[in-house]
Amino acid sequence: LTPVPPVHLATKPQRALDVRERDTLDEAQLA
């Protein structure tokens, strides 16, 4: 993905995004 999601996982090539209640979600980026 471009840009690459920020969370590295042990299983490559998986990448993740953690979303907490206090976070501001970039809806356009997620879409």
Full PDB file with SEQRES, HELIX, SHEET, SSBOND, CRYST1, ORIGX, SCALE, CONECT and MASTER records, all heavy atoms in Angstrom:
SEQRES   1 A   31  LEU THR PRO VAL PRO PRO VAL HIS LEU ALA THR LYS PRO          
SEQRES   2 A   31  GLN ARG ALA LEU ASP VAL ARG GLU ARG ASP THR LEU ASP          
SEQRES   3 A   31  GLU ALA GLN LEU ALA                                          
HELIX    1 AA1 GLU A   27  LEU A   30  1                                   4    
SHEET    1 AA1 2 VAL A   7  HIS A   8  0                                        
SHEET    2 AA1 2 ARG A  15  ALA A  16 -1                                        
CRYST1    1.000    1.000    1.000  90.00  90.00  90.00 P 1           1          
ORIGX1      1.000000  0.000000  0.000000        0.00000                         
ORIGX2      0.000000  1.000000  0.000000        0.00000                         
ORIGX3      0.000000  0.000000  1.000000        0.00000                         
SCALE1      1.000000  0.000000  0.000000        0.00000                         
SCALE2      0.000000  1.000000  0.000000        0.00000                         
SCALE3      0.000000  0.000000  1.000000        0.00000                         
ATOM      1  N   LEU A   1       0.823  -1.206   0.000  1.00  0.00           N  
ATOM      2  CA  LEU A   1       0.000   0.000   0.000  1.00  0.00           C  
ATOM      3  C   LEU A   1       0.861   1.261   0.000  1.00  0.00           C  
ATOM      4  O   LEU A   1       1.981   1.261   0.486  1.00  0.00           O  
ATOM      5  CB  LEU A   1      -0.918   0.011   1.224  1.00  0.00           C  
ATOM      6  CG  LEU A   1      -1.946  -1.107   1.292  1.00  0.00           C  
ATOM      7  CD1 LEU A   1      -2.644  -1.095   2.639  1.00  0.00           C  
ATOM      8  CD2 LEU A   1      -2.948  -0.988   0.161  1.00  0.00           C  
ATOM      9  N   THR A   2       0.295   2.330  -0.556  1.00  0.00           N  
ATOM     10  CA  THR A   2       0.970   3.623  -0.594  1.00  0.00           C  
ATOM     11  C   THR A   2       0.077   4.660   0.063  1.00  0.00           C  
ATOM     12  O   THR A   2      -1.035   4.863  -0.408  1.00  0.00           O  
ATOM     13  CB  THR A   2       1.265   4.045  -2.044  1.00  0.00           C  
ATOM     14  OG1 THR A   2       2.039   3.028  -2.661  1.00  0.00           O  
ATOM     15  CG2 THR A   2       2.010   5.350  -2.083  1.00  0.00           C  
ATOM     16  N   PRO A   3       0.543   5.312   1.119  1.00  0.00           N  
ATOM     17  CA  PRO A   3       1.722   4.974   1.906  1.00  0.00           C  
ATOM     18  C   PRO A   3       1.472   3.702   2.713  1.00  0.00           C  
ATOM     19  O   PRO A   3       0.329   3.296   2.892  1.00  0.00           O  
ATOM     20  CB  PRO A   3       1.891   6.183   2.827  1.00  0.00           C  
ATOM     21  CG  PRO A   3       0.526   6.728   3.004  1.00  0.00           C  
ATOM     22  CD  PRO A   3      -0.181   6.459   1.688  1.00  0.00           C  
ATOM     23  N   VAL A   4       2.533   3.093   3.174  1.00  0.00           N  
ATOM     24  CA  VAL A   4       2.432   1.839   3.921  1.00  0.00           C  
ATOM     25  C   VAL A   4       1.829   2.120   5.303  1.00  0.00           C  
ATOM     26  O   VAL A   4       2.240   3.067   5.972  1.00  0.00           O  
ATOM     27  CB  VAL A   4       3.834   1.195   4.057  1.00  0.00           C  
ATOM     28  CG1 VAL A   4       3.778  -0.062   4.888  1.00  0.00           C  
ATOM     29  CG2 VAL A   4       4.406   0.898   2.681  1.00  0.00           C  
ATOM     30  N   PRO A   5       0.832   1.328   5.729  1.00  0.00           N  
ATOM     31  CA  PRO A   5       0.278   1.507   7.072  1.00  0.00           C  
ATOM     32  C   PRO A   5       1.382   1.414   8.141  1.00  0.00           C  
ATOM     33  O   PRO A   5       2.368   0.699   7.958  1.00  0.00           O  
ATOM     34  CB  PRO A   5      -0.729   0.370   7.205  1.00  0.00           C  
ATOM     35  CG  PRO A   5      -1.153   0.104   5.795  1.00  0.00           C  
ATOM     36  CD  PRO A   5       0.104   0.298   4.984  1.00  0.00           C  
ATOM     37  N   PRO A   6       1.215   2.115   9.263  1.00  0.00           N  
ATOM     38  CA  PRO A   6       2.306   2.299  10.217  1.00  0.00           C  
ATOM     39  C   PRO A   6       2.703   1.115  11.086  1.00  0.00           C  
ATOM     40  O   PRO A   6       3.826   1.080  11.595  1.00  0.00           O  
ATOM     41  CB  PRO A   6       1.798   3.443  11.100  1.00  0.00           C  
ATOM     42  CG  PRO A   6       0.324   3.343  11.030  1.00  0.00           C  
ATOM     43  CD  PRO A   6       0.029   2.869   9.634  1.00  0.00           C  
ATOM     44  N   VAL A   7       1.841   0.134  11.288  1.00  0.00           N  
ATOM     45  CA  VAL A   7       2.136  -0.934  12.250  1.00  0.00           C  
ATOM     46  C   VAL A   7       2.726  -2.145  11.540  1.00  0.00           C  
ATOM     47  O   VAL A   7       2.080  -2.761  10.684  1.00  0.00           O  
ATOM     48  CB  VAL A   7       0.873  -1.329  13.044  1.00  0.00           C  
ATOM     49  CG1 VAL A   7       1.198  -2.436  14.037  1.00  0.00           C  
ATOM     50  CG2 VAL A   7       0.290  -0.113  13.762  1.00  0.00           C  
ATOM     51  N   HIS A   8       3.971  -2.488  11.912  1.00  0.00           N  
ATOM     52  CA  HIS A   8       4.635  -3.691  11.392  1.00  0.00           C  
ATOM     53  C   HIS A   8       4.087  -4.907  12.127  1.00  0.00           C  
ATOM     54  O   HIS A   8       3.869  -4.854  13.331  1.00  0.00           O  
ATOM     55  CB  HIS A   8       6.146  -3.630  11.645  1.00  0.00           C  
ATOM     56  CG  HIS A   8       6.830  -2.517  10.937  1.00  0.00           C  
ATOM     57  ND1 HIS A   8       7.392  -2.668   9.704  1.00  0.00           N  
ATOM     58  CD2 HIS A   8       7.038  -1.233  11.292  1.00  0.00           C  
ATOM     59  CE1 HIS A   8       7.935  -1.517   9.329  1.00  0.00           C  
ATOM     60  NE2 HIS A   8       7.721  -0.625  10.279  1.00  0.00           N  
ATOM     61  N   LEU A   9       3.903  -6.000  11.421  1.00  0.00           N  
ATOM     62  CA  LEU A   9       3.474  -7.248  12.035  1.00  0.00           C  
ATOM     63  C   LEU A   9       4.522  -8.313  11.750  1.00  0.00           C  
ATOM     64  O   LEU A   9       5.294  -8.212  10.802  1.00  0.00           O  
ATOM     65  CB  LEU A   9       2.116  -7.680  11.488  1.00  0.00           C  
ATOM     66  CG  LEU A   9       0.974  -6.696  11.742  1.00  0.00           C  
ATOM     67  CD1 LEU A   9      -0.291  -7.157  11.045  1.00  0.00           C  
ATOM     68  CD2 LEU A   9       0.723  -6.530  13.223  1.00  0.00           C  
ATOM     69  N   ALA A  10       4.534  -9.341  12.578  1.00  0.00           N  
ATOM     70  CA  ALA A  10       5.509 -10.414  12.412  1.00  0.00           C  
ATOM     71  C   ALA A  10       5.315 -11.153  11.095  1.00  0.00           C  
ATOM     72  O   ALA A  10       6.267 -11.668  10.522  1.00  0.00           O  
ATOM     73  CB  ALA A  10       5.426 -11.380  13.587  1.00  0.00           C  
ATOM     74  N   THR A  11       4.087 -11.225  10.637  1.00  0.00           N  
ATOM     75  CA  THR A  11       3.782 -11.924   9.396  1.00  0.00           C  
ATOM     76  C   THR A  11       3.854 -10.942   8.242  1.00  0.00           C  
ATOM     77  O   THR A  11       2.969 -10.123   8.062  1.00  0.00           O  
ATOM     78  CB  THR A  11       2.374 -12.552   9.457  1.00  0.00           C  
ATOM     79  OG1 THR A  11       2.261 -13.322  10.639  1.00  0.00           O  
ATOM     80  CG2 THR A  11       2.115 -13.412   8.249  1.00  0.00           C  
ATOM     81  N   LYS A  12       4.935 -10.993   7.490  1.00  0.00           N  
ATOM     82  CA  LYS A  12       5.072 -10.123   6.327  1.00  0.00           C  
ATOM     83  C   LYS A  12       4.262 -10.714   5.197  1.00  0.00           C  
ATOM     84  O   LYS A  12       4.173 -11.925   5.089  1.00  0.00           O  
ATOM     85  CB  LYS A  12       6.539 -10.009   5.937  1.00  0.00           C  
ATOM     86  CG  LYS A  12       7.352  -9.301   6.995  1.00  0.00           C  
ATOM     87  CD  LYS A  12       8.793  -9.177   6.581  1.00  0.00           C  
ATOM     88  CE  LYS A  12       9.587  -8.515   7.698  1.00  0.00           C  
ATOM     89  NZ  LYS A  12      10.981  -8.412   7.378  1.00  0.00           N  
ATOM     90  N   PRO A  13       3.651  -9.989   4.373  1.00  0.00           N  
ATOM     91  CA  PRO A  13       3.693  -8.556   4.154  1.00  0.00           C  
ATOM     92  C   PRO A  13       2.542  -7.798   4.826  1.00  0.00           C  
ATOM     93  O   PRO A  13       2.171  -6.722   4.394  1.00  0.00           O  
ATOM     94  CB  PRO A  13       3.605  -8.434   2.648  1.00  0.00           C  
ATOM     95  CG  PRO A  13       2.670  -9.541   2.271  1.00  0.00           C  
ATOM     96  CD  PRO A  13       3.000 -10.665   3.241  1.00  0.00           C  
ATOM     97  N   GLN A  14       1.972  -8.384   5.882  1.00  0.00           N  
ATOM     98  CA  GLN A  14       0.858  -7.717   6.549  1.00  0.00           C  
ATOM     99  C   GLN A  14       1.298  -6.424   7.224  1.00  0.00           C  
ATOM    100  O   GLN A  14       2.385  -6.345   7.775  1.00  0.00           O  
ATOM    101  CB  GLN A  14       0.228  -8.641   7.594  1.00  0.00           C  
ATOM    102  CG  GLN A  14      -0.415  -9.856   7.003  1.00  0.00           C  
ATOM    103  CD  GLN A  14      -1.011 -10.753   8.063  1.00  0.00           C  
ATOM    104  OE1 GLN A  14      -0.891 -10.512   9.251  1.00  0.00           O  
ATOM    105  NE2 GLN A  14      -1.660 -11.811   7.626  1.00  0.00           N  
ATOM    106  N   ARG A  15       0.450  -5.423   7.158  1.00  0.00           N  
ATOM    107  CA  ARG A  15       0.644  -4.152   7.866  1.00  0.00           C  
ATOM    108  C   ARG A  15      -0.695  -3.763   8.459  1.00  0.00           C  
ATOM    109  O   ARG A  15      -1.744  -4.187   7.980  1.00  0.00           O  
ATOM    110  CB  ARG A  15       1.126  -3.055   6.917  1.00  0.00           C  
ATOM    111  CG  ARG A  15       2.505  -3.286   6.346  1.00  0.00           C  
ATOM    112  CD  ARG A  15       3.608  -3.312   7.408  1.00  0.00           C  
ATOM    113  NE  ARG A  15       3.796  -2.032   8.047  1.00  0.00           N  
ATOM    114  CZ  ARG A  15       4.763  -1.175   7.767  1.00  0.00           C  
ATOM    115  NH1 ARG A  15       5.674  -1.486   6.865  1.00  0.00           N  
ATOM    116  NH2 ARG A  15       4.843  -0.027   8.392  1.00  0.00           N  
ATOM    117  N   ALA A  16      -0.662  -2.950   9.518  1.00  0.00           N  
ATOM    118  CA  ALA A  16      -1.888  -2.651  10.235  1.00  0.00           C  
ATOM    119  C   ALA A  16      -1.990  -1.182  10.629  1.00  0.00           C  
ATOM    120  O   ALA A  16      -1.012  -0.429  10.578  1.00  0.00           O  
ATOM    121  CB  ALA A  16      -1.974  -3.527  11.488  1.00  0.00           C  
ATOM    122  N   LEU A  17      -3.183  -0.831  11.051  1.00  0.00           N  
ATOM    123  CA  LEU A  17      -3.475   0.481  11.600  1.00  0.00           C  
ATOM    124  C   LEU A  17      -4.216   0.247  12.904  1.00  0.00           C  
ATOM    125  O   LEU A  17      -5.218  -0.480  12.933  1.00  0.00           O  
ATOM    126  CB  LEU A  17      -4.356   1.284  10.640  1.00  0.00           C  
ATOM    127  CG  LEU A  17      -4.857   2.623  11.145  1.00  0.00           C  
ATOM    128  CD1 LEU A  17      -3.685   3.604  11.298  1.00  0.00           C  
ATOM    129  CD2 LEU A  17      -5.911   3.193  10.208  1.00  0.00           C  
ATOM    130  N   ASP A  18      -3.711   0.808  14.000  1.00  0.00           N  
ATOM    131  CA  ASP A  18      -4.402   0.758  15.282  1.00  0.00           C  
ATOM    132  C   ASP A  18      -5.184   2.053  15.451  1.00  0.00           C  
ATOM    133  O   ASP A  18      -4.650   3.139  15.230  1.00  0.00           O  
ATOM    134  CB  ASP A  18      -3.407   0.605  16.437  1.00  0.00           C  
ATOM    135  CG  ASP A  18      -2.739  -0.762  16.456  1.00  0.00           C  
ATOM    136  OD1 ASP A  18      -3.299  -1.713  15.880  1.00  0.00           O  
ATOM    137  OD2 ASP A  18      -1.666  -0.881  17.067  1.00  0.00           O  
ATOM    138  N   VAL A  19      -6.445   1.933  15.845  1.00  0.00           N  
ATOM    139  CA  VAL A  19      -7.302   3.102  16.010  1.00  0.00           C  
ATOM    140  C   VAL A  19      -7.832   3.104  17.438  1.00  0.00           C  
ATOM    141  O   VAL A  19      -8.496   2.153  17.860  1.00  0.00           O  
ATOM    142  CB  VAL A  19      -8.482   3.084  15.014  1.00  0.00           C  
ATOM    143  CG1 VAL A  19      -9.343   4.320  15.198  1.00  0.00           C  
ATOM    144  CG2 VAL A  19      -7.984   2.975  13.583  1.00  0.00           C  
ATOM    145  N   ARG A  20      -7.507   4.167  18.162  1.00  0.00           N  
ATOM    146  CA  ARG A  20      -7.987   4.343  19.530  1.00  0.00           C  
ATOM    147  C   ARG A  20      -9.033   5.449  19.553  1.00  0.00           C  
ATOM    148  O   ARG A  20      -9.090   6.277  18.652  1.00  0.00           O  
ATOM    149  CB  ARG A  20      -6.821   4.685  20.444  1.00  0.00           C  
ATOM    150  CG  ARG A  20      -5.878   3.513  20.611  1.00  0.00           C  
ATOM    151  CD  ARG A  20      -4.574   3.900  21.282  1.00  0.00           C  
ATOM    152  NE  ARG A  20      -3.709   2.755  21.431  1.00  0.00           N  
ATOM    153  CZ  ARG A  20      -2.991   2.207  20.464  1.00  0.00           C  
ATOM    154  NH1 ARG A  20      -3.029   2.695  19.239  1.00  0.00           N  
ATOM    155  NH2 ARG A  20      -2.234   1.165  20.695  1.00  0.00           N  
ATOM    156  N   GLU A  21      -9.842   5.471  20.579  1.00  0.00           N  
ATOM    157  CA  GLU A  21     -10.926   6.442  20.675  1.00  0.00           C  
ATOM    158  C   GLU A  21     -10.426   7.883  20.572  1.00  0.00           C  
ATOM    159  O   GLU A  21     -11.053   8.728  19.961  1.00  0.00           O  
ATOM    160  CB  GLU A  21     -11.680   6.247  21.992  1.00  0.00           C  
ATOM    161  CG  GLU A  21     -12.891   7.126  22.119  1.00  0.00           C  
ATOM    162  CD  GLU A  21     -13.692   6.850  23.376  1.00  0.00           C  
ATOM    163  OE1 GLU A  21     -13.361   5.925  24.128  1.00  0.00           O  
ATOM    164  OE2 GLU A  21     -14.670   7.580  23.599  1.00  0.00           O  
ATOM    165  N   ARG A  22      -9.276   8.165  21.155  1.00  0.00           N  
ATOM    166  CA  ARG A  22      -8.762   9.539  21.163  1.00  0.00           C  
ATOM    167  C   ARG A  22      -8.083   9.923  19.841  1.00  0.00           C  
ATOM    168  O   ARG A  22      -7.761  11.080  19.628  1.00  0.00           O  
ATOM    169  CB  ARG A  22      -7.785   9.724  22.316  1.00  0.00           C  
ATOM    170  CG  ARG A  22      -6.500   8.930  22.152  1.00  0.00           C  
ATOM    171  CD  ARG A  22      -5.573   9.074  23.343  1.00  0.00           C  
ATOM    172  NE  ARG A  22      -4.359   8.333  23.157  1.00  0.00           N  
ATOM    173  CZ  ARG A  22      -4.193   7.047  23.428  1.00  0.00           C  
ATOM    174  NH1 ARG A  22      -5.201   6.337  23.912  1.00  0.00           N  
ATOM    175  NH2 ARG A  22      -3.035   6.455  23.224  1.00  0.00           N  
ATOM    176  N   ASP A  23      -7.845   8.960  18.966  1.00  0.00           N  
ATOM    177  CA  ASP A  23      -7.171   9.224  17.697  1.00  0.00           C  
ATOM    178  C   ASP A  23      -8.073   9.982  16.729  1.00  0.00           C  
ATOM    179  O   ASP A  23      -9.298   9.840  16.751  1.00  0.00           O  
ATOM    180  CB  ASP A  23      -6.742   7.923  17.013  1.00  0.00           C  
ATOM    181  CG  ASP A  23      -5.650   7.188  17.762  1.00  0.00           C  
ATOM    182  OD1 ASP A  23      -5.007   7.790  18.642  1.00  0.00           O  
ATOM    183  OD2 ASP A  23      -5.451   5.990  17.473  1.00  0.00           O  
ATOM    184  N   THR A  24      -7.451  10.765  15.879  1.00  0.00           N  
ATOM    185  CA  THR A  24      -8.146  11.376  14.756  1.00  0.00           C  
ATOM    186  C   THR A  24      -7.925  10.471  13.555  1.00  0.00           C  
ATOM    187  O   THR A  24      -6.791  10.283  13.115  1.00  0.00           O  
ATOM    188  CB  THR A  24      -7.590  12.785  14.470  1.00  0.00           C  
ATOM    189  OG1 THR A  24      -7.766  13.587  15.634  1.00  0.00           O  
ATOM    190  CG2 THR A  24      -8.303  13.417  13.298  1.00  0.00           C  
ATOM    191  N   LEU A  25      -8.981   9.875  13.068  1.00  0.00           N  
ATOM    192  CA  LEU A  25      -8.889   8.943  11.953  1.00  0.00           C  
ATOM    193  C   LEU A  25      -8.838   9.708  10.642  1.00  0.00           C  
ATOM    194  O   LEU A  25      -9.688  10.553  10.368  1.00  0.00           O  
ATOM    195  CB  LEU A  25     -10.083   7.995  11.957  1.00  0.00           C  
ATOM    196  CG  LEU A  25     -10.123   6.948  10.850  1.00  0.00           C  
ATOM    197  CD1 LEU A  25      -8.928   6.016  10.939  1.00  0.00           C  
ATOM    198  CD2 LEU A  25     -11.426   6.162  10.943  1.00  0.00           C  
ATOM    199  N   ASP A  26      -7.837   9.406   9.839  1.00  0.00           N  
ATOM    200  CA  ASP A  26      -7.735   9.991   8.506  1.00  0.00           C  
ATOM    201  C   ASP A  26      -8.603   9.129   7.582  1.00  0.00           C  
ATOM    202  O   ASP A  26      -8.145   8.140   7.011  1.00  0.00           O  
ATOM    203  CB  ASP A  26      -6.275  10.011   8.051  1.00  0.00           C  
ATOM    204  CG  ASP A  26      -6.073  10.704   6.719  1.00  0.00           C  
ATOM    205  OD1 ASP A  26      -7.052  10.867   5.955  1.00  0.00           O  
ATOM    206  OD2 ASP A  26      -4.918  11.079   6.434  1.00  0.00           O  
ATOM    207  N   GLU A  27      -9.858   9.503   7.476  1.00  0.00           N  
ATOM    208  CA  GLU A  27     -10.813   8.707   6.712  1.00  0.00           C  
ATOM    209  C   GLU A  27     -10.445   8.602   5.240  1.00  0.00           C  
ATOM    210  O   GLU A  27     -10.632   7.548   4.625  1.00  0.00           O  
ATOM    211  CB  GLU A  27     -12.213   9.288   6.866  1.00  0.00           C  
ATOM    212  CG  GLU A  27     -12.738   9.182   8.281  1.00  0.00           C  
ATOM    213  CD  GLU A  27     -14.102   9.818   8.458  1.00  0.00           C  
ATOM    214  OE1 GLU A  27     -14.854   9.927   7.465  1.00  0.00           O  
ATOM    215  OE2 GLU A  27     -14.415  10.200   9.593  1.00  0.00           O  
ATOM    216  N   ALA A  28      -9.907   9.657   4.678  1.00  0.00           N  
ATOM    217  CA  ALA A  28      -9.504   9.621   3.272  1.00  0.00           C  
ATOM    218  C   ALA A  28      -8.367   8.626   3.060  1.00  0.00           C  
ATOM    219  O   ALA A  28      -8.366   7.878   2.071  1.00  0.00           O  
ATOM    220  CB  ALA A  28      -9.092  11.013   2.794  1.00  0.00           C  
ATOM    221  N   GLN A  29      -7.413   8.588   3.998  1.00  0.00           N  
ATOM    222  CA  GLN A  29      -6.295   7.637   3.883  1.00  0.00           C  
ATOM    223  C   GLN A  29      -6.793   6.209   3.999  1.00  0.00           C  
ATOM    224  O   GLN A  29      -6.402   5.333   3.233  1.00  0.00           O  
ATOM    225  CB  GLN A  29      -5.241   7.910   4.959  1.00  0.00           C  
ATOM    226  CG  GLN A  29      -4.047   6.973   4.881  1.00  0.00           C  
ATOM    227  CD  GLN A  29      -3.321   7.110   3.566  1.00  0.00           C  
ATOM    228  OE1 GLN A  29      -2.642   8.079   3.356  1.00  0.00           O  
ATOM    229  NE2 GLN A  29      -3.493   6.157   2.679  1.00  0.00           N  
ATOM    230  N   LEU A  30      -7.651   5.965   4.977  1.00  0.00           N  
ATOM    231  CA  LEU A  30      -8.202   4.625   5.154  1.00  0.00           C  
ATOM    232  C   LEU A  30      -8.977   4.193   3.912  1.00  0.00           C  
ATOM    233  O   LEU A  30      -8.819   3.067   3.431  1.00  0.00           O  
ATOM    234  CB  LEU A  30      -9.091   4.575   6.399  1.00  0.00           C  
ATOM    235  CG  LEU A  30      -9.743   3.229   6.693  1.00  0.00           C  
ATOM    236  CD1 LEU A  30      -8.700   2.121   6.827  1.00  0.00           C  
ATOM    237  CD2 LEU A  30     -10.594   3.333   7.946  1.00  0.00           C  
ATOM    238  N   ALA A  31      -9.789   5.083   3.371  1.00  0.00           N  
ATOM    239  CA  ALA A  31     -10.540   4.763   2.148  1.00  0.00           C  
ATOM    240  C   ALA A  31      -9.594   4.464   0.993  1.00  0.00           C  
ATOM    241  O   ALA A  31      -9.845   3.552   0.189  1.00  0.00           O  
ATOM    242  CB  ALA A  31     -11.475   5.914   1.790  1.00  0.00           C  
TER     243      ALA A  31                                                      
MASTER        0    0    0    1    2    0    0    6  242    1    0    3          
END                                                                             
